[in-house]
Amino acid sequence: MNRREFLETVVAAVPALGWQGTPANEWGSPVFDLHFHLRQQPAANLAHLDGAGVTKANLLTRAAALEQIKALQSAAPGRFTWFGSYDVSRPDAEQVLTQAAKDGAQGFGEMKFHVAADGPEFRRIYALAADLRVPILIHFQEVDHFPNEGTWATGYAKTFESILKAYPKTTFIGHADAFWANVSADYHNEAAYPSGPIKRGGVTDKLLGDYPNLFGDLAANSGNNAMSRDAEFTADFLKRHQNKLFFGSDCSCSDGRGGGVSQSNNPAASRLAGKCVARETLTVLKRSASSDVFQKLVWGNIHKLLKIPA
């Protein structure tokens, strides 16, 4: 789809969806989805938000998608912010990401690449994020979802504390399997999404408590799974880290109600097949947190981080 076609279809999508400026507030609070991937079909972006009862979303997309982003922002004012991503192993990564920030990207992400989390490729981007004063959202994964998929931003449990110490002015947002599985102290990369009660003292729990520059993105099956395993742990975890966590969906369903494909057909995430991850995670958070804490998780915290009016 070329630029003109995209602009025409996104503008046409708004009246077709009957959008009146904000969805019904069915969750008791407006909702900001930190982790929303740009859909190829313009109407699909608004369809998912409205179907899930989400007020605003942060687009995670390639840095070069500026025209599509601006078209959506123009068609649905106030509903979309964005983070830009680019291959950290490319020699021009700093230049491209700097330009994205100048173009309006309020962070870097989703940074999902086959390099070590403490390697030189990522380190130069951590420094850049500090210089530009934007957060960086990282996908940590140590276990394949598919044969030969490979791993992403490896070494989280063993080495990432050293990164938090080395880059105190960088704001990190952790996401995905290794980040959330490590809320439990007995996790050793044996499964993408472990089940059962959580053993207190996990790496992620500790790092969130010890380092003011680390935050958590509750998106995807990984975040949902971690918050669904142990109700007692979850209630305490959300209360203790209420200022450090953000709701996100990372949902690929088509309508905000579980239609189409969920979790990109990831076989390890089959527990959410036929479900909307946004709705499932909002339900878990709402039953596990007080109304004040819930409002922080789904609305207040991300506005504060990005310094935008709530």
C-alpha atoms as a PDB file:
ATOM      1  CA  MET A   1       0.000   0.000   0.000  1.00  0.00           C
ATOM      2  CA  ASN A   2       1.510   3.349  -1.021  1.00  0.00           C
ATOM      3  CA  ARG A   3       1.324   6.559   0.988  1.00  0.00           C
ATOM      4  CA  ARG A   4      -1.737   7.950  -0.770  1.00  0.00           C
ATOM      5  CA  GLU A   5      -3.695   4.721  -0.429  1.00  0.00           C
ATOM      6  CA  PHE A   6      -2.808   4.468   3.259  1.00  0.00           C
ATOM      7  CA  LEU A   7      -3.903   8.046   3.945  1.00  0.00           C
ATOM      8  CA  GLU A   8      -7.185   7.532   2.100  1.00  0.00           C
ATOM      9  CA  THR A   9      -8.043   4.266   3.840  1.00  0.00           C
ATOM     10  CA  VAL A  10      -7.206   5.430   7.351  1.00  0.00           C
ATOM     11  CA  VAL A  11      -9.316   8.551   6.965  1.00  0.00           C
ATOM     12  CA  ALA A  12     -12.171   6.476   5.568  1.00  0.00           C
ATOM     13  CA  ALA A  13     -11.861   4.007   8.446  1.00  0.00           C
ATOM     14  CA  VAL A  14     -12.839   6.468  11.147  1.00  0.00           C
ATOM     15  CA  PRO A  15     -16.495   7.077  10.168  1.00  0.00           C
ATOM     16  CA  ALA A  16     -16.853   3.461   9.080  1.00  0.00           C
ATOM     17  CA  LEU A  17     -16.039   2.366  12.609  1.00  0.00           C
ATOM     18  CA  GLY A  18     -18.393   4.896  14.097  1.00  0.00           C
ATOM     19  CA  TRP A  19     -15.629   6.409  16.204  1.00  0.00           C
ATOM     20  CA  GLN A  20     -16.794   9.357  18.300  1.00  0.00           C
ATOM     21  CA  GLY A  21     -13.447  10.283  19.857  1.00  0.00           C
ATOM     22  CA  THR A  22     -13.219   7.857  22.777  1.00  0.00           C
ATOM     23  CA  PRO A  23     -14.448   4.302  23.430  1.00  0.00           C
ATOM     24  CA  ALA A  24     -16.874   3.413  26.185  1.00  0.00           C
ATOM     25  CA  ASN A  25     -15.124   3.359  29.567  1.00  0.00           C
ATOM     26  CA  GLU A  26     -15.966  -0.219  30.478  1.00  0.00           C
ATOM     27  CA  TRP A  27     -12.913  -0.767  32.704  1.00  0.00           C
ATOM     28  CA  GLY A  28     -13.651   1.934  35.278  1.00  0.00           C
ATOM     29  CA  SER A  29     -10.659   3.911  34.027  1.00  0.00           C
ATOM     30  CA  PRO A  30      -9.421   5.063  30.645  1.00  0.00           C
ATOM     31  CA  VAL A  31      -6.816   2.629  29.315  1.00  0.00           C
ATOM     32  CA  PHE A  32      -3.483   3.264  27.590  1.00  0.00           C
ATOM     33  CA  ASP A  33      -1.973   0.271  25.767  1.00  0.00           C
ATOM     34  CA  LEU A  34       1.794   0.704  25.846  1.00  0.00           C
ATOM     35  CA  HIS A  35       2.484  -2.236  23.511  1.00  0.00           C
ATOM     36  CA  PHE A  36       0.483  -2.032  20.301  1.00  0.00           C
ATOM     37  CA  HIS A  37       1.985  -3.054  16.962  1.00  0.00           C
ATOM     38  CA  LEU A  38       0.954  -1.069  13.895  1.00  0.00           C
ATOM     39  CA  ARG A  39      -1.508  -3.016  11.708  1.00  0.00           C
ATOM     40  CA  GLN A  40      -1.054  -3.050   7.962  1.00  0.00           C
ATOM     41  CA  GLN A  41      -4.715  -2.265   7.371  1.00  0.00           C
ATOM     42  CA  PRO A  42      -5.467   1.162   8.871  1.00  0.00           C
ATOM     43  CA  ALA A  43      -8.985   0.318  10.055  1.00  0.00           C
ATOM     44  CA  ALA A  44      -7.637  -2.629  12.053  1.00  0.00           C
ATOM     45  CA  ASN A  45      -5.765  -0.323  14.426  1.00  0.00           C
ATOM     46  CA  LEU A  46      -8.914   1.423  15.592  1.00  0.00           C
ATOM     47  CA  ALA A  47     -10.978  -1.773  15.487  1.00  0.00           C
ATOM     48  CA  HIS A  48      -8.755  -3.423  18.084  1.00  0.00           C
ATOM     49  CA  LEU A  49      -8.646  -0.429  20.401  1.00  0.00           C
ATOM     50  CA  ASP A  50     -12.397   0.106  20.333  1.00  0.00           C
ATOM     51  CA  GLY A  51     -13.171  -3.598  20.601  1.00  0.00           C
ATOM     52  CA  ALA A  52     -11.020  -3.974  23.706  1.00  0.00           C
ATOM     53  CA  GLY A  53     -12.235  -0.749  25.328  1.00  0.00           C
ATOM     54  CA  VAL A  54      -8.817   0.916  25.025  1.00  0.00           C
ATOM     55  CA  THR A  55      -8.625   4.709  24.917  1.00  0.00           C
ATOM     56  CA  LYS A  56      -5.076   5.260  23.630  1.00  0.00           C
ATOM     57  CA  ALA A  57      -2.216   3.159  22.350  1.00  0.00           C
ATOM     58  CA  ASN A  58       1.507   3.418  21.846  1.00  0.00           C
ATOM     59  CA  LEU A  59       2.534   2.143  18.416  1.00  0.00           C
ATOM     60  CA  LEU A  60       5.659  -0.006  18.381  1.00  0.00           C
ATOM     61  CA  THR A  61       6.898   0.128  14.827  1.00  0.00           C
ATOM     62  CA  ARG A  62       9.905   0.507  12.600  1.00  0.00           C
ATOM     63  CA  ALA A  63      11.465   3.946  12.580  1.00  0.00           C
ATOM     64  CA  ALA A  64      10.698   4.338   8.863  1.00  0.00           C
ATOM     65  CA  ALA A  65       6.902   4.135   9.301  1.00  0.00           C
ATOM     66  CA  LEU A  66       6.489   7.840  10.005  1.00  0.00           C
ATOM     67  CA  GLU A  67       3.950   8.519   7.259  1.00  0.00           C
ATOM     68  CA  GLN A  68       1.608   5.764   8.423  1.00  0.00           C
ATOM     69  CA  ILE A  69       1.947   6.906  12.031  1.00  0.00           C
ATOM     70  CA  LYS A  70       1.180  10.525  11.199  1.00  0.00           C
ATOM     71  CA  ALA A  71      -1.828   9.446   9.150  1.00  0.00           C
ATOM     72  CA  LEU A  72      -3.282   7.527  12.092  1.00  0.00           C
ATOM     73  CA  GLN A  73      -2.572  10.368  14.495  1.00  0.00           C
ATOM     74  CA  SER A  74      -4.288  12.788  12.154  1.00  0.00           C
ATOM     75  CA  ALA A  75      -7.334  10.574  11.651  1.00  0.00           C
ATOM     76  CA  ALA A  76      -7.743   9.782  15.370  1.00  0.00           C
ATOM     77  CA  PRO A  77      -6.303  12.739  17.289  1.00  0.00           C
ATOM     78  CA  GLY A  78      -4.986  11.992  20.754  1.00  0.00           C
ATOM     79  CA  ARG A  79      -5.201   8.216  20.458  1.00  0.00           C
ATOM     80  CA  PHE A  80      -1.717   7.237  19.306  1.00  0.00           C
ATOM     81  CA  THR A  81       1.833   7.851  20.471  1.00  0.00           C
ATOM     82  CA  TRP A  82       4.752   5.853  19.088  1.00  0.00           C
ATOM     83  CA  PHE A  83       8.133   4.254  19.726  1.00  0.00           C
ATOM     84  CA  GLY A  84      10.580   3.597  16.890  1.00  0.00           C
ATOM     85  CA  SER A  85      12.740   0.514  16.402  1.00  0.00           C
ATOM     86  CA  TYR A  86      15.748  -0.221  14.211  1.00  0.00           C
ATOM     87  CA  ASP A  87      18.308  -3.027  14.006  1.00  0.00           C
ATOM     88  CA  VAL A  88      20.894  -2.239  16.688  1.00  0.00           C
ATOM     89  CA  SER A  89      23.576  -4.154  14.775  1.00  0.00           C
ATOM     90  CA  ARG A  90      23.390  -1.763  11.818  1.00  0.00           C
ATOM     91  CA  PRO A  91      26.109   0.911  11.730  1.00  0.00           C
ATOM     92  CA  ASP A  92      23.551   3.674  11.191  1.00  0.00           C
ATOM     93  CA  ALA A  93      21.333   2.658  14.126  1.00  0.00           C
ATOM     94  CA  GLU A  94      22.146   5.722  16.211  1.00  0.00           C
ATOM     95  CA  GLN A  95      21.497   8.063  13.295  1.00  0.00           C
ATOM     96  CA  VAL A  96      18.159   6.454  12.386  1.00  0.00           C
ATOM     97  CA  LEU A  97      16.876   6.332  15.966  1.00  0.00           C
ATOM     98  CA  THR A  98      17.941   9.904  16.633  1.00  0.00           C
ATOM     99  CA  GLN A  99      15.937  11.005  13.604  1.00  0.00           C
ATOM    100  CA  ALA A 100      12.940   9.000  14.830  1.00  0.00           C
ATOM    101  CA  ALA A 101      13.049  10.880  18.127  1.00  0.00           C
ATOM    102  CA  LYS A 102      13.222  14.183  16.236  1.00  0.00           C
ATOM    103  CA  ASP A 103      10.195  13.032  14.218  1.00  0.00           C
ATOM    104  CA  GLY A 104       8.153  12.458  17.350  1.00  0.00           C
ATOM    105  CA  ALA A 105       9.025   8.979  18.647  1.00  0.00           C
ATOM    106  CA  GLN A 106       8.734   9.108  22.432  1.00  0.00           C
ATOM    107  CA  GLY A 107      10.849   6.018  22.966  1.00  0.00           C
ATOM    108  CA  PHE A 108      12.763   3.161  21.344  1.00  0.00           C
ATOM    109  CA  GLY A 109      10.991  -0.157  20.927  1.00  0.00           C
ATOM    110  CA  GLU A 110      10.210  -2.850  20.617  1.00  0.00           C
ATOM    111  CA  MET A 111      13.937  -3.645  20.547  1.00  0.00           C
ATOM    112  CA  LYS A 112      13.938  -7.318  19.589  1.00  0.00           C
ATOM    113  CA  PHE A 113      17.225  -8.495  18.086  1.00  0.00           C
ATOM    114  CA  HIS A 114      19.476 -11.547  18.136  1.00  0.00           C
ATOM    115  CA  VAL A 115      22.237  -9.986  20.217  1.00  0.00           C
ATOM    116  CA  ALA A 116      23.229 -10.073  23.872  1.00  0.00           C
ATOM    117  CA  ALA A 117      21.517  -7.612  26.176  1.00  0.00           C
ATOM    118  CA  ASP A 118      24.908  -6.487  27.482  1.00  0.00           C
ATOM    119  CA  GLY A 119      26.665  -6.505  24.097  1.00  0.00           C
ATOM    120  CA  PRO A 120      28.167  -3.515  22.287  1.00  0.00           C
ATOM    121  CA  GLU A 121      25.266  -3.266  19.824  1.00  0.00           C
ATOM    122  CA  PHE A 122      22.753  -2.557  22.566  1.00  0.00           C
ATOM    123  CA  ARG A 123      25.123  -0.549  24.760  1.00  0.00           C
ATOM    124  CA  ARG A 124      25.441   2.273  22.256  1.00  0.00           C
ATOM    125  CA  ILE A 125      21.651   2.493  22.034  1.00  0.00           C
ATOM    126  CA  TYR A 126      21.326   2.553  25.825  1.00  0.00           C
ATOM    127  CA  ALA A 127      23.664   5.543  25.851  1.00  0.00           C
ATOM    128  CA  LEU A 128      21.694   7.192  23.048  1.00  0.00           C
ATOM    129  CA  ALA A 129      18.393   6.713  24.901  1.00  0.00           C
ATOM    130  CA  ALA A 130      19.897   8.456  27.921  1.00  0.00           C
ATOM    131  CA  ASP A 131      21.190  11.326  25.793  1.00  0.00           C
ATOM    132  CA  LEU A 132      17.801  11.797  24.126  1.00  0.00           C
ATOM    133  CA  ARG A 133      15.907  11.201  27.381  1.00  0.00           C
ATOM    134  CA  VAL A 134      13.615   8.556  25.927  1.00  0.00           C
ATOM    135  CA  PRO A 135      12.802   5.092  27.332  1.00  0.00           C
ATOM    136  CA  ILE A 136      13.868   1.873  25.618  1.00  0.00           C
ATOM    137  CA  LEU A 137      11.570  -1.170  25.583  1.00  0.00           C
ATOM    138  CA  ILE A 138      13.414  -4.498  25.235  1.00  0.00           C
ATOM    139  CA  HIS A 139      12.200  -8.007  24.368  1.00  0.00           C
ATOM    140  CA  PHE A 140      14.104 -10.556  26.501  1.00  0.00           C
ATOM    141  CA  GLN A 141      13.781 -14.182  25.376  1.00  0.00           C
ATOM    142  CA  GLU A 142      15.934 -17.241  26.085  1.00  0.00           C
ATOM    143  CA  VAL A 143      13.676 -20.059  24.780  1.00  0.00           C
ATOM    144  CA  ASP A 144      12.559 -20.603  21.157  1.00  0.00           C
ATOM    145  CA  HIS A 145       8.846 -20.369  20.398  1.00  0.00           C
ATOM    146  CA  PHE A 146       9.332 -21.970  17.005  1.00  0.00           C
ATOM    147  CA  PRO A 147      12.080 -24.298  15.712  1.00  0.00           C
ATOM    148  CA  ASN A 148      15.214 -22.305  14.915  1.00  0.00           C
ATOM    149  CA  GLU A 149      13.632 -19.011  15.964  1.00  0.00           C
ATOM    150  CA  GLY A 150      16.648 -18.042  18.020  1.00  0.00           C
ATOM    151  CA  THR A 151      16.808 -15.959  21.171  1.00  0.00           C
ATOM    152  CA  TRP A 152      16.578 -12.235  21.767  1.00  0.00           C
ATOM    153  CA  ALA A 153      18.488  -9.787  24.003  1.00  0.00           C
ATOM    154  CA  THR A 154      20.027 -12.699  25.836  1.00  0.00           C
ATOM    155  CA  GLY A 155      21.575 -12.806  29.284  1.00  0.00           C
ATOM    156  CA  TYR A 156      18.887 -10.909  31.175  1.00  0.00           C
ATOM    157  CA  ALA A 157      18.968 -12.853  34.451  1.00  0.00           C
ATOM    158  CA  LYS A 158      22.755 -13.038  34.654  1.00  0.00           C
ATOM    159  CA  THR A 159      23.945  -9.725  33.255  1.00  0.00           C
ATOM    160  CA  PHE A 160      21.241  -7.087  33.106  1.00  0.00           C
ATOM    161  CA  GLU A 161      21.794  -5.782  36.617  1.00  0.00           C
ATOM    162  CA  SER A 162      25.239  -4.659  35.465  1.00  0.00           C
ATOM    163  CA  ILE A 163      23.570  -2.700  32.641  1.00  0.00           C
ATOM    164  CA  LEU A 164      21.187  -0.978  35.048  1.00  0.00           C
ATOM    165  CA  LYS A 165      24.202   0.084  37.096  1.00  0.00           C
ATOM    166  CA  ALA A 166      26.250   1.170  34.089  1.00  0.00           C
ATOM    167  CA  TYR A 167      23.455   3.266  32.536  1.00  0.00           C
ATOM    168  CA  PRO A 168      21.627   4.889  35.480  1.00  0.00           C
ATOM    169  CA  LYS A 169      20.278   7.700  33.283  1.00  0.00           C
ATOM    170  CA  THR A 170      18.672   5.275  30.807  1.00  0.00           C
ATOM    171  CA  THR A 171      15.034   4.356  31.363  1.00  0.00           C
ATOM    172  CA  PHE A 172      14.544   0.650  30.617  1.00  0.00           C
ATOM    173  CA  ILE A 173      11.207  -1.099  30.079  1.00  0.00           C
ATOM    174  CA  GLY A 174      11.428  -4.889  30.328  1.00  0.00           C
ATOM    175  CA  HIS A 175       9.170  -7.162  28.309  1.00  0.00           C
ATOM    176  CA  ALA A 176       8.692 -10.767  27.159  1.00  0.00           C
ATOM    177  CA  ASP A 177       9.454 -14.280  28.303  1.00  0.00           C
ATOM    178  CA  ALA A 178      12.713 -14.020  30.227  1.00  0.00           C
ATOM    179  CA  PHE A 179      11.722 -10.783  31.928  1.00  0.00           C
ATOM    180  CA  TRP A 180       8.411 -12.113  33.243  1.00  0.00           C
ATOM    181  CA  ALA A 181       9.395 -15.726  33.904  1.00  0.00           C
ATOM    182  CA  ASN A 182      12.089 -14.369  36.203  1.00  0.00           C
ATOM    183  CA  VAL A 183       9.565 -12.990  38.669  1.00  0.00           C
ATOM    184  CA  SER A 184       9.973 -16.456  40.174  1.00  0.00           C
ATOM    185  CA  ALA A 185      13.244 -17.367  41.882  1.00  0.00           C
ATOM    186  CA  ASP A 186      13.144 -20.946  40.597  1.00  0.00           C
ATOM    187  CA  TYR A 187      13.225 -20.108  36.867  1.00  0.00           C
ATOM    188  CA  HIS A 188      16.194 -21.400  34.837  1.00  0.00           C
ATOM    189  CA  ASN A 189      15.198 -20.919  31.163  1.00  0.00           C
ATOM    190  CA  GLU A 190      13.466 -24.295  31.063  1.00  0.00           C
ATOM    191  CA  ALA A 191      10.270 -23.002  29.403  1.00  0.00           C
ATOM    192  CA  ALA A 192       9.036 -19.865  27.716  1.00  0.00           C
ATOM    193  CA  TYR A 193       6.020 -19.577  30.006  1.00  0.00           C
ATOM    194  CA  PRO A 194       6.383 -21.508  33.282  1.00  0.00           C
ATOM    195  CA  SER A 195       3.306 -22.352  35.325  1.00  0.00           C
ATOM    196  CA  GLY A 196       2.509 -22.936  38.966  1.00  0.00           C
ATOM    197  CA  PRO A 197       3.039 -20.902  42.137  1.00  0.00           C
ATOM    198  CA  ILE A 198       5.744 -18.238  42.096  1.00  0.00           C
ATOM    199  CA  LYS A 199       8.731 -18.550  44.399  1.00  0.00           C
ATOM    200  CA  ARG A 200       9.497 -15.202  45.981  1.00  0.00           C
ATOM    201  CA  GLY A 201      12.810 -13.476  45.343  1.00  0.00           C
ATOM    202  CA  GLY A 202      12.929 -13.637  41.536  1.00  0.00           C
ATOM    203  CA  VAL A 203      15.371 -11.533  39.536  1.00  0.00           C
ATOM    204  CA  THR A 204      12.724  -9.277  37.985  1.00  0.00           C
ATOM    205  CA  ASP A 205      10.995  -8.628  41.294  1.00  0.00           C
ATOM    206  CA  LYS A 206      14.320  -7.683  42.868  1.00  0.00           C
ATOM    207  CA  LEU A 207      15.499  -5.454  40.009  1.00  0.00           C
ATOM    208  CA  LEU A 208      12.212  -3.552  39.874  1.00  0.00           C
ATOM    209  CA  GLY A 209      12.559  -2.841  43.567  1.00  0.00           C
ATOM    210  CA  ASP A 210      16.245  -1.938  43.527  1.00  0.00           C
ATOM    211  CA  TYR A 211      16.636   0.159  40.370  1.00  0.00           C
ATOM    212  CA  PRO A 212      14.592   3.310  39.703  1.00  0.00           C
ATOM    213  CA  ASN A 213      15.458   3.168  35.988  1.00  0.00           C
ATOM    214  CA  LEU A 214      13.743  -0.203  35.359  1.00  0.00           C
ATOM    215  CA  PHE A 215      10.046  -0.540  34.545  1.00  0.00           C
ATOM    216  CA  GLY A 216       7.874  -3.448  33.382  1.00  0.00           C
ATOM    217  CA  ASP A 217       5.599  -3.859  30.347  1.00  0.00           C
ATOM    218  CA  LEU A 218       2.809  -6.291  31.270  1.00  0.00           C
ATOM    219  CA  ALA A 219       2.062  -7.140  27.624  1.00  0.00           C
ATOM    220  CA  ALA A 220       1.713 -10.427  25.753  1.00  0.00           C
ATOM    221  CA  ASN A 221       1.233 -13.957  26.988  1.00  0.00           C
ATOM    222  CA  SER A 222       4.426 -13.500  29.027  1.00  0.00           C
ATOM    223  CA  GLY A 223       3.052 -10.710  31.207  1.00  0.00           C
ATOM    224  CA  ASN A 224      -0.415 -12.238  31.378  1.00  0.00           C
ATOM    225  CA  ASN A 225       0.996 -15.633  32.309  1.00  0.00           C
ATOM    226  CA  ALA A 226       3.152 -14.194  35.086  1.00  0.00           C
ATOM    227  CA  MET A 227       0.199 -12.304  36.578  1.00  0.00           C
ATOM    228  CA  SER A 228      -2.153 -15.305  36.264  1.00  0.00           C
ATOM    229  CA  ARG A 229      -0.008 -17.952  38.010  1.00  0.00           C
ATOM    230  CA  ASP A 230      -0.334 -17.016  41.667  1.00  0.00           C
ATOM    231  CA  ALA A 231      -3.133 -14.696  42.793  1.00  0.00           C
ATOM    232  CA  GLU A 232      -1.588 -13.908  46.181  1.00  0.00           C
ATOM    233  CA  PHE A 233       1.779 -13.058  44.636  1.00  0.00           C
ATOM    234  CA  THR A 234       0.189 -10.928  41.913  1.00  0.00           C
ATOM    235  CA  ALA A 235      -1.816  -8.784  44.327  1.00  0.00           C
ATOM    236  CA  ASP A 236       1.297  -8.061  46.391  1.00  0.00           C
ATOM    237  CA  PHE A 237       3.528  -7.582  43.345  1.00  0.00           C
ATOM    238  CA  LEU A 238       1.196  -5.022  41.753  1.00  0.00           C
ATOM    239  CA  LYS A 239       0.869  -3.125  45.018  1.00  0.00           C
ATOM    240  CA  ARG A 240       4.633  -3.031  45.654  1.00  0.00           C
ATOM    241  CA  HIS A 241       5.538  -2.025  42.099  1.00  0.00           C
ATOM    242  CA  GLN A 242       2.465   0.078  41.372  1.00  0.00           C
ATOM    243  CA  ASN A 243       4.549   2.976  40.053  1.00  0.00           C
ATOM    244  CA  LYS A 244       6.828   0.833  37.863  1.00  0.00           C
ATOM    245  CA  LEU A 245       4.398  -1.159  35.703  1.00  0.00           C
ATOM    246  CA  PHE A 246       2.474  -0.426  32.497  1.00  0.00           C
ATOM    247  CA  PHE A 247      -0.432  -2.222  30.874  1.00  0.00           C
ATOM    248  CA  GLY A 248       0.293  -3.399  27.333  1.00  0.00           C
ATOM    249  CA  SER A 249      -1.424  -5.927  25.087  1.00  0.00           C
ATOM    250  CA  ASP A 250       0.919  -7.051  22.284  1.00  0.00           C
ATOM    251  CA  CYS A 251      -2.248  -8.661  20.951  1.00  0.00           C
ATOM    252  CA  SER A 252      -2.676  -9.711  17.332  1.00  0.00           C
ATOM    253  CA  CYS A 253      -6.393 -10.517  17.455  1.00  0.00           C
ATOM    254  CA  SER A 254      -8.433  -8.638  14.879  1.00  0.00           C
ATOM    255  CA  ASP A 255     -11.262  -7.087  16.860  1.00  0.00           C
ATOM    256  CA  GLY A 256     -10.304  -6.615  20.515  1.00  0.00           C
ATOM    257  CA  ARG A 257     -12.454  -9.631  21.393  1.00  0.00           C
ATOM    258  CA  GLY A 258     -10.311 -12.578  20.305  1.00  0.00           C
ATOM    259  CA  GLY A 259     -11.158 -12.798  16.608  1.00  0.00           C
ATOM    260  CA  GLY A 260      -8.643 -13.925  14.018  1.00  0.00           C
ATOM    261  CA  VAL A 261      -5.136 -14.924  15.133  1.00  0.00           C
ATOM    262  CA  SER A 262      -3.968 -14.419  18.695  1.00  0.00           C
ATOM    263  CA  GLN A 263      -0.323 -14.212  19.827  1.00  0.00           C
ATOM    264  CA  SER A 264       0.872 -14.674  16.228  1.00  0.00           C
ATOM    265  CA  ASN A 265       0.082 -18.405  16.334  1.00  0.00           C
ATOM    266  CA  ASN A 266       2.819 -18.940  18.930  1.00  0.00           C
ATOM    267  CA  PRO A 267       2.279 -22.579  19.983  1.00  0.00           C
ATOM    268  CA  ALA A 268       3.701 -21.951  23.442  1.00  0.00           C
ATOM    269  CA  ALA A 269       1.030 -19.308  24.020  1.00  0.00           C
ATOM    270  CA  SER A 270      -1.939 -21.507  23.078  1.00  0.00           C
ATOM    271  CA  ARG A 271      -3.606 -20.736  26.425  1.00  0.00           C
ATOM    272  CA  LEU A 272      -4.706 -17.426  24.876  1.00  0.00           C
ATOM    273  CA  ALA A 273      -5.888 -18.820  21.543  1.00  0.00           C
ATOM    274  CA  GLY A 274      -9.237 -17.288  20.624  1.00  0.00           C
ATOM    275  CA  LYS A 275      -8.887 -14.590  23.262  1.00  0.00           C
ATOM    276  CA  CYS A 276      -7.941 -10.922  23.227  1.00  0.00           C
ATOM    277  CA  VAL A 277      -4.781 -10.482  25.268  1.00  0.00           C
ATOM    278  CA  ALA A 278      -5.752  -6.901  26.106  1.00  0.00           C
ATOM    279  CA  ARG A 279      -9.053  -7.995  27.601  1.00  0.00           C
ATOM    280  CA  GLU A 280      -7.533 -10.971  29.418  1.00  0.00           C
ATOM    281  CA  THR A 281      -4.773  -8.910  31.024  1.00  0.00           C
ATOM    282  CA  LEU A 282      -7.052  -6.009  31.946  1.00  0.00           C
ATOM    283  CA  THR A 283      -9.334  -8.532  33.663  1.00  0.00           C
ATOM    284  CA  VAL A 284      -6.431  -9.981  35.675  1.00  0.00           C
ATOM    285  CA  LEU A 285      -5.208  -6.531  36.700  1.00  0.00           C
ATOM    286  CA  LYS A 286      -8.658  -5.297  37.652  1.00  0.00           C
ATOM    287  CA  ARG A 287      -9.347  -8.234  39.960  1.00  0.00           C
ATOM    288  CA  SER A 288      -5.840  -8.137  41.457  1.00  0.00           C
ATOM    289  CA  ALA A 289      -5.416  -4.437  42.251  1.00  0.00           C
ATOM    290  CA  SER A 290      -7.288  -1.682  44.035  1.00  0.00           C
ATOM    291  CA  SER A 291      -9.017   0.875  41.839  1.00  0.00           C
ATOM    292  CA  ASP A 292      -6.269   3.434  42.510  1.00  0.00           C
ATOM    293  CA  VAL A 293      -3.484   1.003  41.617  1.00  0.00           C
ATOM    294  CA  PHE A 294      -5.375  -0.224  38.546  1.00  0.00           C
ATOM    295  CA  GLN A 295      -5.684   3.365  37.303  1.00  0.00           C
ATOM    296  CA  LYS A 296      -1.921   3.817  37.632  1.00  0.00           C
ATOM    297  CA  LEU A 297      -1.155   0.599  35.767  1.00  0.00           C
ATOM    298  CA  VAL A 298      -3.477   1.248  32.840  1.00  0.00           C
ATOM    299  CA  TRP A 299      -3.312   5.027  32.559  1.00  0.00           C
ATOM    300  CA  GLY A 300      -1.381   7.178  34.993  1.00  0.00           C
ATOM    301  CA  ASN A 301       2.083   5.613  34.938  1.00  0.00           C
ATOM    302  CA  ILE A 302       2.672   5.781  31.197  1.00  0.00           C
ATOM    303  CA  HIS A 303       1.479   9.376  30.976  1.00  0.00           C
ATOM    304  CA  LYS A 304       3.915  10.289  33.735  1.00  0.00           C
ATOM    305  CA  LEU A 305       6.788   8.447  32.049  1.00  0.00           C
ATOM    306  CA  LEU A 306       6.181  10.022  28.650  1.00  0.00           C
ATOM    307  CA  LYS A 307       5.415  13.426  30.177  1.00  0.00           C
ATOM    308  CA  ILE A 308       2.119  13.814  28.369  1.00  0.00           C
ATOM    309  CA  PRO A 309      -1.128  15.182  29.877  1.00  0.00           C
ATOM    310  CA  ALA A 310      -3.330  12.463  31.313  1.00  0.00           C
END
